[in-house]
Amino acid sequence: MKKSATDVMQEALFAAVVDAIVALTTRAQGLPNTLVREVNAIHPNTAFGDLPKELQAAITASTRAALTRLMKEGYTVASKDAPPPPRPAPGPSGAPRPFDRGRPGGKPGPGGGRPGPGGNRGRGPRPPRP
């Protein structure tokens, strides 16, 4: 049975977190105060280059392993320079696709979409105020 992408990514992220903790523990050489100091040095604005070399290596290895695992599970992993995926073929004639709101070209009909200020729902322009 094929796993969902969510399950695969959760397992990969869990493995990455465990690998990162092991790398920090190894760097601290089993000293609890040093480990706490290493963990406290990591904050939301920490850049990748600011992390200890052991942690950088663990993150790099975990990322490669996660992408390899996704590809082995049959998911596509593309670079940012890859061409966009092909557009879905139109359904049988007369059958609307889920995103086209029942109109040709996917455009809402007259008065469709969100109402403007004052709730003018397709009743034409407002008469001028006296």
Protein backbone atom coordinates (compact mmCIF):
# COMPACT_ATOMS: atom_id res chain seq x y z
CA MET A 1 0.00 0.00 0.00
CA LYS A 2 1.35 3.38 -1.01
CA LYS A 3 1.80 5.96 1.76
CA SER A 4 0.48 9.46 1.39
CA ALA A 5 2.93 12.31 0.89
CA THR A 6 1.92 13.64 4.32
CA ASP A 7 2.89 10.37 6.03
CA VAL A 8 6.20 10.21 4.20
CA MET A 9 7.03 13.83 5.05
CA GLN A 10 6.05 13.38 8.71
CA GLU A 11 8.37 10.41 8.99
CA ALA A 12 11.15 12.31 7.22
CA LEU A 13 10.73 15.36 9.48
CA PHE A 14 10.69 13.19 12.60
CA ALA A 15 13.90 11.49 11.47
CA ALA A 16 15.46 14.91 10.75
CA VAL A 17 14.61 16.22 14.22
CA VAL A 18 16.03 13.10 15.88
CA ASP A 19 19.19 13.37 13.75
CA ALA A 20 19.55 17.04 14.73
CA ILE A 21 19.20 16.24 18.43
CA VAL A 22 21.77 13.45 18.14
CA ALA A 23 24.15 15.84 16.33
CA LEU A 24 23.78 18.45 19.07
CA THR A 25 24.29 15.80 21.76
CA THR A 26 27.41 14.54 20.00
CA ARG A 27 28.79 18.07 19.75
CA ALA A 28 28.13 18.65 23.47
CA GLN A 29 30.09 15.44 24.22
CA GLY A 30 27.45 14.33 26.71
CA LEU A 31 27.75 17.42 28.90
CA PRO A 32 24.26 18.64 29.81
CA ASN A 33 25.22 22.30 30.32
CA THR A 34 26.93 22.44 26.94
CA LEU A 35 23.90 20.83 25.30
CA VAL A 36 21.56 23.40 26.86
CA ARG A 37 23.88 26.20 25.68
CA GLU A 38 23.89 24.79 22.12
CA VAL A 39 20.10 24.49 22.04
CA ASN A 40 19.60 27.99 23.49
CA ALA A 41 21.84 29.43 20.77
CA ILE A 42 19.26 28.39 18.14
CA HIS A 43 16.45 30.90 17.60
CA PRO A 44 14.07 31.80 14.73
CA ASN A 45 16.58 34.22 13.16
CA THR A 46 19.48 31.75 13.18
CA ALA A 47 20.93 31.29 9.71
CA PHE A 48 22.04 27.88 8.44
CA GLY A 49 25.68 29.02 8.47
CA ASP A 50 25.41 29.96 12.16
CA LEU A 51 24.57 26.41 13.19
CA PRO A 52 27.30 24.05 14.41
CA LYS A 53 28.99 22.06 11.61
CA GLU A 54 27.67 18.78 13.01
CA LEU A 55 24.10 20.08 12.88
CA GLN A 56 24.58 21.45 9.34
CA ALA A 57 25.77 18.01 8.21
CA ALA A 58 22.82 16.29 9.90
CA ILE A 59 20.31 18.67 8.27
CA THR A 60 21.91 18.23 4.84
CA ALA A 61 21.88 14.44 5.15
CA SER A 62 18.28 14.40 6.40
CA THR A 63 17.13 16.61 3.52
CA ARG A 64 18.78 14.37 0.94
CA ALA A 65 17.32 11.28 2.58
CA ALA A 66 13.82 12.81 2.66
CA LEU A 67 13.89 13.77 -1.03
CA THR A 68 15.27 10.36 -1.99
CA ARG A 69 12.56 8.66 0.01
CA LEU A 70 9.83 10.76 -1.62
CA MET A 71 11.13 9.77 -5.05
CA LYS A 72 11.28 6.09 -4.05
CA GLU A 73 7.66 6.31 -2.89
CA GLY A 74 6.74 7.55 -6.38
CA TYR A 75 6.36 11.29 -5.74
CA THR A 76 7.91 13.85 -8.04
CA VAL A 77 10.47 16.24 -6.64
CA ALA A 78 11.23 19.06 -9.07
CA SER A 79 13.64 21.98 -8.96
CA LYS A 80 12.47 25.57 -9.18
CA ASP A 81 13.76 25.74 -12.78
CA ALA A 82 11.63 22.79 -13.91
CA PRO A 83 8.83 23.50 -16.38
CA PRO A 84 5.35 23.76 -14.86
CA PRO A 85 3.26 20.58 -14.75
CA PRO A 86 0.85 20.04 -17.64
CA ARG A 87 -2.64 21.51 -17.26
CA PRO A 88 -5.48 19.03 -16.80
CA ALA A 89 -7.35 18.08 -19.94
CA PRO A 90 -10.90 19.41 -20.21
CA GLY A 91 -13.61 17.01 -19.16
CA PRO A 92 -16.24 15.62 -21.51
CA SER A 93 -18.09 18.33 -23.38
CA GLY A 94 -20.67 20.02 -21.23
CA ALA A 95 -19.19 18.74 -17.96
CA PRO A 96 -17.78 21.64 -15.95
CA ARG A 97 -14.38 21.22 -14.34
CA PRO A 98 -14.26 21.82 -10.59
CA PHE A 99 -12.68 25.25 -10.96
CA ASP A 100 -14.65 26.81 -13.79
CA ARG A 101 -17.86 27.72 -11.91
CA GLY A 102 -19.97 26.36 -14.73
CA ARG A 103 -19.08 29.07 -17.29
CA PRO A 104 -16.88 28.80 -20.39
CA GLY A 105 -13.35 29.99 -19.70
CA GLY A 106 -13.83 29.75 -15.95
CA LYS A 107 -15.24 33.28 -15.69
CA PRO A 108 -18.16 34.00 -13.42
CA GLY A 109 -21.38 35.09 -15.05
CA PRO A 110 -22.94 38.52 -14.80
CA GLY A 111 -23.28 39.50 -11.19
CA GLY A 112 -21.12 36.54 -10.16
CA GLY A 113 -18.16 36.70 -7.89
CA ARG A 114 -17.98 38.82 -4.80
CA PRO A 115 -20.35 41.74 -4.38
CA GLY A 116 -18.90 45.23 -4.38
CA PRO A 117 -19.51 47.89 -1.76
CA GLY A 118 -23.13 48.15 -0.74
CA GLY A 119 -23.97 44.63 -1.86
CA ASN A 120 -24.64 45.51 -5.52
CA ARG A 121 -25.01 41.92 -6.76
CA GLY A 122 -25.18 42.27 -10.50
CA ARG A 123 -28.12 44.68 -10.60
CA GLY A 124 -26.24 47.03 -12.86
CA PRO A 125 -24.79 50.40 -11.99
CA ARG A 126 -26.30 52.36 -9.16
CA PRO A 127 -28.48 55.30 -10.00
CA PRO A 128 -26.80 58.64 -9.31
CA ARG A 129 -27.48 60.23 -5.95
CA PRO A 130 -29.54 63.45 -5.95
